[in-house]
Amino acid sequence: MKVSVIGTGYVGLVAAAGFAEHGNDVVCADIDAEKIARLRRGEIPIFEPGLDTLVARNVEAGRLRFTTDNAEAARHGEAIFLAVGTPSAPDGSANLSYLFEAARDIARHLDHDVVVVDKSTVPVGTAERITRIMAELTTHRVVVASNPEFLKEGTAVDDFLYPDRVVLGTDDPHARDLLGRLYRPFFRQSERIVFMDPRSAEVTKYACNAYLATRVSFINDIANLCDLVGADVEKVRTGMGMDARIGNKFLYPGVGYGGSCFPKDTRALLDTARAHGLSLSLVAAAERINEAQKLLLVRKARQLCGDLGGKTFALWGLAFKPNTDDVREAPALRIARALLTDGAKLRMHDPEAAKNFMAELGPQSGVELFDDMYDAAQGAHALLLVTEWRQYRSPDFDRLKKSLAEPVLLDGRNQWDRAQLEKQGFRYAGIGR
């Protein structure tokens, strides 16, 4: 099948390469000429395990190519996927301007009837708005379907190639048939394609992310209670997770969620609810708890270290989660800014996200990046574990103790054994422990 994907960001690039892997003829377009030039040279602009190999294999096979020409993409695809950014506007709503402009550009260049598939995360009713926008600019029949993505950064390639479900929002028989044929090869044993109307598909995406975000905030709130009453949240979550009705997914306490999905999508869902006179109090509480949780390690640092002015702190992990270089709304950003405001100096390490982190943090005095994680800890009055990269799970604690100015560990992901570390002479603080 001939497929076009508009957008070479996280979703678009994974989708384009994934469709090509299944034998489809894919054109991937982006107006960013520099990004397209890099992709043509074989350079992947984001860090996502396995994506570089997947892209290279399909480019070499001739199934995937990149262009800055939306007209080429419009003429090519039987199905055209819109995978452009929908960032948060200042009021929390989704900024759909990039999406609508991409739809207009495609409509102007169509030379055939087409199924346009909204792959971006969008508020309810967006498919209808795109339909109206494109109808004003083309005489060709355009059916707009919703196909929300459910990719997890760090495992996006496997999530796309081996999906647990595919949600397709369309009432049009031709679109159902075409998209069904496109996705059925992804399911070797049992087909898990869920058809529904476009509005329900749009709500499904937001509902999933809001629910998962709520679970994260719930266990973080329970962890904070455990700190106050002397309980261990790790034992609590284990007991909870053994209940089949609850399960253990997204019940890991920490310093809050970040990234490109949960913060943006919860805010957009709240904005949609407010527009219809509904408060969605549970989702609002999850967002409020999360913002407070991002500063928990700073509060613990103040408790253990006193006045932070003039002291040095090491941060391990700057990305919002492991196996990505994405720092959007990363807890480490809030933590770093708060420590700097308190007059502290920072020594930081991350395997992949350091460059993006510094670009987001902006020029700051008293901030140093290190290629070696132990070098980052040298002379620090405390080490803050912010992101649970695997290489941080079992460090050489004897070496670490010699590197630190003070043997203080603030474990923002409950990765380490408190009892063992206290035997080794560390002062340890985790989350709800």
Protein backbone atom coordinates (compact mmCIF):
# COMPACT_ATOMS: atom_id res chain seq x y z
CA MET A 1 0.00 0.00 0.00
CA LYS A 2 1.16 3.55 -0.67
CA VAL A 3 1.36 5.45 2.62
CA SER A 4 2.38 9.03 3.37
CA VAL A 5 3.31 10.29 6.82
CA ILE A 6 3.44 14.01 7.53
CA GLY A 7 5.87 14.74 10.35
CA THR A 8 9.20 13.17 11.25
CA GLY A 9 8.94 13.58 14.99
CA TYR A 10 8.74 10.78 17.49
CA VAL A 11 5.38 9.42 16.30
CA GLY A 12 5.74 10.11 12.59
CA LEU A 13 9.19 8.60 12.16
CA VAL A 14 8.35 5.44 14.09
CA ALA A 15 5.08 5.04 12.16
CA ALA A 16 6.71 5.61 8.77
CA ALA A 17 9.47 3.09 9.44
CA GLY A 18 6.99 0.63 10.94
CA PHE A 19 4.66 0.73 7.94
CA ALA A 20 7.63 0.32 5.59
CA GLU A 21 8.83 -2.69 7.58
CA HIS A 22 5.59 -4.45 6.65
CA GLY A 23 6.23 -3.95 2.95
CA ASN A 24 4.39 -0.71 2.32
CA ASP A 25 5.71 2.07 0.06
CA VAL A 26 6.14 5.01 2.44
CA VAL A 27 6.92 8.68 1.89
CA CYS A 28 7.68 10.63 5.07
CA ALA A 29 7.50 14.43 4.80
CA ASP A 30 8.57 17.31 6.99
CA ILE A 31 8.97 21.03 6.34
CA ASP A 32 12.20 21.05 8.39
CA ALA A 33 14.80 20.82 5.62
CA GLU A 34 17.69 20.25 8.02
CA LYS A 35 15.91 17.30 9.64
CA ILE A 36 15.14 15.74 6.27
CA ALA A 37 18.76 16.21 5.17
CA ARG A 38 19.93 14.43 8.32
CA LEU A 39 17.51 11.56 7.77
CA ARG A 40 18.69 11.18 4.19
CA ARG A 41 22.24 10.91 5.55
CA GLY A 42 21.10 8.17 7.89
CA GLU A 43 21.11 10.34 11.01
CA ILE A 44 18.19 9.83 13.40
CA PRO A 45 17.24 13.11 15.14
CA ILE A 46 15.89 11.38 18.26
CA PHE A 47 17.23 8.62 20.48
CA GLU A 48 14.91 5.63 20.38
CA PRO A 49 16.35 2.13 20.72
CA GLY A 50 16.16 0.18 17.45
CA LEU A 51 14.81 3.04 15.36
CA ASP A 52 18.08 3.73 13.54
CA THR A 53 18.31 0.12 12.35
CA LEU A 54 14.64 0.04 11.32
CA VAL A 55 14.93 3.25 9.30
CA ALA A 56 18.20 2.24 7.64
CA ARG A 57 16.89 -1.17 6.61
CA ASN A 58 13.78 0.21 4.95
CA VAL A 59 15.56 3.12 3.26
CA GLU A 60 18.05 0.67 1.80
CA ALA A 61 15.20 -1.58 0.60
CA GLY A 62 13.55 1.39 -1.14
CA ARG A 63 10.38 1.20 0.92
CA LEU A 64 10.98 4.43 2.84
CA ARG A 65 12.06 7.84 1.60
CA PHE A 66 12.04 11.35 2.98
CA THR A 67 10.95 14.64 1.44
CA THR A 68 10.35 18.28 2.30
CA ASP A 69 7.64 18.42 -0.38
CA ASN A 70 4.15 17.94 1.04
CA ALA A 71 2.87 17.93 -2.54
CA GLU A 72 4.82 14.74 -3.17
CA ALA A 73 3.36 13.18 -0.05
CA ALA A 74 -0.16 14.27 -1.02
CA ARG A 75 0.10 12.72 -4.47
CA HIS A 76 1.66 9.51 -3.17
CA GLY A 77 -0.51 8.18 -0.39
CA GLU A 78 -3.68 6.12 -0.45
CA ALA A 79 -3.60 6.78 3.28
CA ILE A 80 -2.01 9.99 4.54
CA PHE A 81 -1.12 10.07 8.24
CA LEU A 82 -0.88 13.42 10.01
CA ALA A 83 1.70 13.08 12.79
CA VAL A 84 2.63 16.67 13.60
CA GLY A 85 3.00 18.20 17.03
CA THR A 86 0.06 19.40 19.12
CA PRO A 87 1.85 21.14 21.99
CA SER A 88 0.15 22.78 24.92
CA ALA A 89 -1.03 26.34 24.50
CA PRO A 90 -0.53 28.73 27.45
CA ASP A 91 -4.08 27.99 28.67
CA GLY A 92 -3.49 24.22 28.64
CA SER A 93 -5.45 23.55 25.47
CA ALA A 94 -3.89 21.69 22.54
CA ASN A 95 -2.33 23.94 19.93
CA LEU A 96 -3.68 22.52 16.66
CA SER A 97 -2.25 25.15 14.32
CA TYR A 98 0.52 22.89 12.96
CA LEU A 99 -1.96 20.09 12.36
CA PHE A 100 -4.44 22.29 10.53
CA GLU A 101 -1.72 23.86 8.39
CA ALA A 102 -0.49 20.40 7.39
CA ALA A 103 -4.06 19.43 6.47
CA ARG A 104 -4.44 22.56 4.33
CA ASP A 105 -1.15 21.93 2.55
CA ILE A 106 -2.09 18.34 1.75
CA ALA A 107 -5.55 19.36 0.52
CA ARG A 108 -4.11 21.92 -1.90
CA HIS A 109 -2.03 19.25 -3.65
CA LEU A 110 -4.37 16.25 -3.76
CA ASP A 111 -4.95 14.64 -7.14
CA HIS A 112 -7.05 11.68 -5.93
CA ASP A 113 -9.55 10.64 -3.28
CA VAL A 114 -7.82 9.80 -0.02
CA VAL A 115 -8.14 8.63 3.56
CA VAL A 116 -6.46 11.10 5.91
CA VAL A 117 -5.57 9.61 9.27
CA ASP A 118 -5.08 11.80 12.31
CA LYS A 119 -2.20 10.18 14.22
CA SER A 120 -1.55 13.22 16.40
CA THR A 121 -3.08 13.43 19.87
CA VAL A 122 -6.02 15.79 19.52
CA PRO A 123 -9.16 16.93 21.36
CA VAL A 124 -12.53 15.45 20.57
CA GLY A 125 -14.05 16.77 17.35
CA THR A 126 -10.71 17.40 15.60
CA ALA A 127 -11.36 14.88 12.81
CA GLU A 128 -14.52 16.79 11.93
CA ARG A 129 -12.64 20.09 11.90
CA ILE A 130 -9.97 18.65 9.58
CA THR A 131 -12.69 17.33 7.30
CA ARG A 132 -14.20 20.82 6.98
CA ILE A 133 -10.79 22.47 6.45
CA MET A 134 -9.80 20.10 3.66
CA ALA A 135 -13.21 20.16 1.97
CA GLU A 136 -12.80 23.89 1.40
CA LEU A 137 -9.55 23.34 -0.52
CA THR A 138 -10.09 20.23 -2.66
CA THR A 139 -12.81 18.67 -4.80
CA HIS A 140 -11.49 15.19 -4.12
CA ARG A 141 -13.25 13.03 -1.54
CA VAL A 142 -11.42 13.11 1.77
CA VAL A 143 -12.32 10.82 4.66
CA VAL A 144 -10.66 11.75 7.94
CA ALA A 145 -10.14 8.96 10.47
CA SER A 146 -8.63 9.00 13.95
CA ASN A 147 -5.84 6.56 14.81
CA PRO A 148 -4.36 7.52 18.19
CA GLU A 149 -0.86 6.29 18.99
CA PHE A 150 -0.05 4.30 22.11
CA LEU A 151 3.75 4.31 21.93
CA LYS A 152 6.01 4.40 24.95
CA GLU A 153 9.27 6.25 24.54
CA GLY A 154 12.10 3.78 24.95
CA THR A 155 10.06 0.87 23.52
CA ALA A 156 8.31 2.66 20.66
CA VAL A 157 9.60 0.40 17.87
CA ASP A 158 8.27 -2.77 19.49
CA ASP A 159 5.07 -1.00 20.53
CA PHE A 160 4.40 -0.11 16.90
CA LEU A 161 5.46 -3.40 15.32
CA TYR A 162 3.74 -5.55 17.95
CA PRO A 163 0.80 -3.46 19.19
CA ASP A 164 -1.48 -4.64 21.98
CA ARG A 165 -4.32 -2.92 20.11
CA VAL A 166 -4.96 -0.54 17.25
CA VAL A 167 -7.79 1.96 17.65
CA LEU A 168 -9.34 3.20 14.39
CA GLY A 169 -11.98 5.90 14.54
CA THR A 170 -14.07 6.02 11.37
CA ASP A 171 -17.64 5.36 10.27
CA ASP A 172 -16.73 5.19 6.59
CA PRO A 173 -16.75 1.68 5.03
CA HIS A 174 -13.91 2.45 2.59
CA ALA A 175 -11.69 3.84 5.34
CA ARG A 176 -12.45 0.85 7.58
CA ASP A 177 -11.47 -1.53 4.78
CA LEU A 178 -8.30 0.33 3.79
CA LEU A 179 -7.00 0.84 7.33
CA GLY A 180 -7.96 -2.70 8.29
CA ARG A 181 -5.85 -4.03 5.40
CA LEU A 182 -2.98 -1.78 6.40
CA TYR A 183 -2.91 -2.92 10.03
CA ARG A 184 -3.89 -6.61 9.86
CA PRO A 185 -0.33 -7.75 8.97
CA PHE A 186 0.77 -6.44 12.38
CA PHE A 187 -1.22 -9.21 14.11
CA ARG A 188 0.07 -12.71 13.47
CA GLN A 189 -2.08 -14.63 15.98
CA SER A 190 -5.15 -12.63 16.94
CA GLU A 191 -6.41 -9.43 15.44
CA ARG A 192 -6.82 -6.64 17.97
CA ILE A 193 -8.15 -3.82 15.81
CA VAL A 194 -10.87 -1.82 17.52
CA PHE A 195 -13.15 0.18 15.24
CA MET A 196 -15.20 3.04 16.65
CA ASP A 197 -16.42 6.49 15.70
CA PRO A 198 -13.80 9.27 15.45
CA ARG A 199 -14.91 11.12 18.60
CA SER A 200 -14.68 7.98 20.72
CA ALA A 201 -11.19 7.27 19.34
CA GLU A 202 -10.07 10.79 20.20
CA VAL A 203 -11.37 10.47 23.76
CA THR A 204 -9.82 7.01 24.13
CA LYS A 205 -6.29 8.36 23.73
CA TYR A 206 -6.75 11.07 26.34
CA ALA A 207 -8.59 8.74 28.71
CA CYS A 208 -5.75 6.19 28.61
CA ASN A 209 -3.04 8.73 29.36
CA ALA A 210 -5.10 10.46 32.05
CA TYR A 211 -5.76 7.14 33.78
CA LEU A 212 -2.10 6.13 33.74
CA ALA A 213 -1.06 9.57 34.97
CA THR A 214 -3.60 9.25 37.78
CA ARG A 215 -2.11 5.90 38.84
CA VAL A 216 1.35 7.49 39.00
CA SER A 217 0.09 10.39 41.11
CA PHE A 218 -1.93 8.05 43.32
CA ILE A 219 1.07 5.90 44.29
CA ASN A 220 3.17 9.04 44.79
CA ASP A 221 0.57 10.41 47.17
CA ILE A 222 0.52 7.08 49.03
CA ALA A 223 4.33 7.20 49.16
CA ASN A 224 4.18 10.62 50.76
CA LEU A 225 1.77 9.24 53.36
CA CYS A 226 4.15 6.34 54.01
CA ASP A 227 6.92 8.84 54.73
CA LEU A 228 4.75 10.46 57.39
CA VAL A 229 3.45 7.31 59.09
CA GLY A 230 6.58 5.14 58.90
CA ALA A 231 5.41 2.65 56.28
CA ASP A 232 7.30 1.35 53.22
CA VAL A 233 5.57 2.16 49.96
CA GLU A 234 7.50 -0.60 48.16
CA LYS A 235 5.76 -3.17 50.33
CA VAL A 236 2.46 -1.36 49.96
CA ARG A 237 2.59 -1.29 46.17
CA THR A 238 3.58 -4.96 46.08
CA GLY A 239 0.55 -5.83 48.17
CA MET A 240 -1.66 -3.68 45.97
CA GLY A 241 -0.29 -5.02 42.71
CA MET A 242 -1.04 -8.63 43.59
CA ASP A 243 -4.73 -7.78 43.41
CA ALA A 244 -5.75 -8.78 39.88
CA ARG A 245 -8.17 -5.86 39.78
CA ILE A 246 -5.31 -3.43 40.31
CA GLY A 247 -2.11 -4.93 38.89
CA ASN A 248 1.38 -3.50 39.31
CA LYS A 249 1.74 -1.37 36.17
CA PHE A 250 2.37 2.35 36.76
CA LEU A 251 2.50 1.81 40.53
CA TYR A 252 6.14 2.84 40.93
CA PRO A 253 6.66 5.85 43.20
CA GLY A 254 9.12 8.49 42.15
CA VAL A 255 9.61 12.15 41.34
CA GLY A 256 6.62 12.49 39.03
CA TYR A 257 5.91 11.97 35.37
CA GLY A 258 7.08 14.13 32.49
CA GLY A 259 7.54 13.75 28.76
CA SER A 260 5.56 14.73 25.72
CA CYS A 261 2.32 12.89 26.57
CA PHE A 262 1.06 12.77 30.15
CA PRO A 263 1.48 16.46 31.08
CA LYS A 264 0.21 17.78 27.76
CA ASP A 265 -2.64 15.32 27.43
CA THR A 266 -3.98 15.71 30.96
CA ARG A 267 -4.06 19.48 30.49
CA ALA A 268 -5.78 19.20 27.11
CA LEU A 269 -8.37 16.79 28.54
CA LEU A 270 -9.05 19.17 31.41
CA ASP A 271 -9.44 22.03 28.92
CA THR A 272 -11.94 20.01 26.88
CA ALA A 273 -13.88 19.11 30.01
CA ARG A 274 -14.01 22.74 31.17
CA ALA A 275 -15.35 23.79 27.76
CA HIS A 276 -18.26 21.42 28.37
CA GLY A 277 -18.86 22.45 31.99
CA LEU A 278 -17.16 19.44 33.60
CA SER A 279 -14.29 19.66 36.10
CA LEU A 280 -12.74 16.16 35.89
CA SER A 281 -11.59 16.62 39.48
CA LEU A 282 -9.65 13.35 39.62
CA VAL A 283 -7.51 14.24 36.61
CA ALA A 284 -6.98 17.76 37.96
CA ALA A 285 -5.80 16.30 41.27
CA ALA A 286 -3.38 13.97 39.46
CA GLU A 287 -1.81 16.91 37.66
CA ARG A 288 -1.56 18.97 40.86
CA ILE A 289 0.04 16.10 42.79
CA ASN A 290 2.53 15.52 40.00
CA GLU A 291 3.74 19.10 39.90
CA ALA A 292 4.35 19.03 43.66
CA GLN A 293 6.08 15.64 43.45
CA LYS A 294 8.72 16.96 41.07
CA LEU A 295 10.17 19.04 43.91
CA LEU A 296 10.13 16.28 46.53
CA LEU A 297 13.85 15.53 46.22
CA VAL A 298 14.63 19.21 46.69
CA ARG A 299 12.61 19.22 49.91
CA LYS A 300 14.45 16.11 51.08
CA ALA A 301 17.79 17.72 50.20
CA ARG A 302 16.91 20.67 52.40
CA GLN A 303 16.02 18.34 55.26
CA LEU A 304 19.24 16.33 55.03
CA CYS A 305 21.69 19.05 53.97
CA GLY A 306 20.29 22.21 55.53
CA ASP A 307 20.97 25.44 53.69
CA LEU A 308 21.72 24.52 50.07
CA GLY A 309 23.51 27.77 49.22
CA GLY A 310 27.08 27.16 48.08
CA LYS A 311 26.71 23.38 48.22
CA THR A 312 27.19 21.04 45.28
CA PHE A 313 24.73 18.38 44.17
CA ALA A 314 25.12 15.59 41.65
CA LEU A 315 22.20 14.62 39.44
CA TRP A 316 22.10 11.22 37.78
CA GLY A 317 19.50 11.12 35.02
CA LEU A 318 18.12 14.12 33.13
CA ALA A 319 15.67 12.58 30.63
CA PHE A 320 12.08 12.25 31.79
CA LYS A 321 12.48 8.44 31.66
CA PRO A 322 15.19 5.93 30.67
CA ASN A 323 16.00 4.98 27.07
CA THR A 324 15.14 8.36 25.61
CA ASP A 325 16.80 11.74 25.15
CA ASP A 326 13.47 13.51 25.68
CA VAL A 327 13.57 16.13 28.44
CA ARG A 328 10.18 17.72 27.84
CA GLU A 329 8.65 18.46 31.26
CA ALA A 330 11.30 16.24 32.84
CA PRO A 331 11.33 16.30 36.66
CA ALA A 332 15.09 16.93 36.48
CA LEU A 333 14.41 20.36 34.99
CA ARG A 334 12.26 21.43 37.95
CA ILE A 335 14.76 19.94 40.38
CA ALA A 336 17.76 21.64 38.76
CA ARG A 337 16.07 25.03 38.61
CA ALA A 338 14.99 24.82 42.25
CA LEU A 339 18.47 23.85 43.43
CA LEU A 340 20.03 26.66 41.43
CA THR A 341 17.51 29.12 42.87
CA ASP A 342 18.64 27.97 46.34
CA GLY A 343 22.24 28.86 45.40
CA ALA A 344 23.49 25.32 44.82
CA LYS A 345 25.95 24.14 42.17
CA LEU A 346 25.17 21.15 39.96
CA ARG A 347 27.23 18.32 38.50
CA MET A 348 25.13 16.22 36.12
CA HIS A 349 25.21 13.04 34.06
CA ASP A 350 22.84 11.35 31.61
CA PRO A 351 23.71 8.74 28.96
CA GLU A 352 21.69 10.41 26.20
CA ALA A 353 19.83 13.55 27.25
CA ALA A 354 22.55 15.92 28.45
CA LYS A 355 22.61 18.06 25.28
CA ASN A 356 18.83 18.41 25.13
CA PHE A 357 18.70 19.12 28.85
CA MET A 358 21.14 22.01 28.65
CA ALA A 359 19.30 23.44 25.65
CA GLU A 360 16.09 23.42 27.69
CA LEU A 361 17.67 24.63 30.93
CA GLY A 362 19.40 27.53 29.21
CA PRO A 363 22.68 29.20 30.15
CA GLN A 364 23.31 28.77 33.86
CA SER A 365 26.36 29.39 36.01
CA GLY A 366 27.35 26.64 38.40
CA VAL A 367 26.23 23.79 36.11
CA GLU A 368 28.63 21.16 34.81
CA LEU A 369 27.99 18.11 32.61
CA PHE A 370 30.12 14.99 32.78
CA ASP A 371 30.57 12.01 30.49
CA ASP A 372 31.34 9.76 33.45
CA MET A 373 28.73 9.31 36.17
CA TYR A 374 31.33 8.98 38.94
CA ASP A 375 33.03 12.18 37.84
CA ALA A 376 29.68 13.92 38.22
CA ALA A 377 29.51 12.75 41.84
CA GLN A 378 32.99 14.04 42.72
CA GLY A 379 32.84 16.50 45.61
CA ALA A 380 29.03 16.62 45.79
CA HIS A 381 27.27 17.06 49.12
CA ALA A 382 24.52 14.69 47.92
CA LEU A 383 23.70 12.55 44.92
CA LEU A 384 20.19 12.72 43.50
CA LEU A 385 19.05 9.77 41.38
CA VAL A 386 16.38 11.28 39.14
CA THR A 387 16.05 8.93 36.15
CA GLU A 388 16.39 5.17 36.52
CA TRP A 389 18.81 4.33 33.72
CA ARG A 390 20.06 0.75 34.09
CA GLN A 391 23.66 1.78 34.59
CA TYR A 392 22.62 3.55 37.80
CA ARG A 393 20.98 0.50 39.36
CA SER A 394 24.09 -1.20 40.75
CA PRO A 395 26.89 1.37 40.96
CA ASP A 396 30.13 0.87 42.85
CA PHE A 397 28.98 2.34 46.16
CA ASP A 398 32.44 2.16 47.74
CA ARG A 399 33.80 4.27 44.88
CA LEU A 400 30.80 6.55 45.13
CA LYS A 401 31.30 7.13 48.84
CA LYS A 402 34.91 8.15 48.23
CA SER A 403 33.81 10.55 45.48
CA LEU A 404 31.11 12.37 47.45
CA ALA A 405 31.94 15.17 49.86
CA GLU A 406 29.11 13.91 52.06
CA PRO A 407 27.68 10.34 51.89
CA VAL A 408 24.11 11.42 51.14
CA LEU A 409 21.94 9.59 48.56
CA LEU A 410 18.53 10.83 47.49
CA ASP A 411 16.95 7.96 45.61
CA GLY A 412 14.17 9.42 43.48
CA ARG A 413 13.23 6.05 41.98
CA ASN A 414 13.63 3.64 44.95
CA GLN A 415 16.31 1.72 43.07
CA TRP A 416 18.70 1.05 45.94
CA ASP A 417 18.71 -1.03 49.12
CA ARG A 418 18.37 1.34 52.03
CA ALA A 419 19.49 -1.10 54.72
CA GLN A 420 22.63 -2.07 52.84
CA LEU A 421 23.55 1.51 52.08
CA GLU A 422 23.12 2.58 55.69
CA LYS A 423 25.43 -0.27 56.71
CA GLN A 424 27.99 1.22 54.32
CA GLY A 425 27.69 4.57 56.06
CA PHE A 426 25.40 6.44 53.68
CA ARG A 427 22.53 8.67 54.70
CA TYR A 428 19.69 7.57 52.46
CA ALA A 429 16.28 8.96 51.58
CA GLY A 430 13.93 7.35 49.08
CA ILE A 431 10.33 7.96 48.14
CA GLY A 432 7.89 6.70 50.82
CA ARG A 433 10.46 4.51 52.53
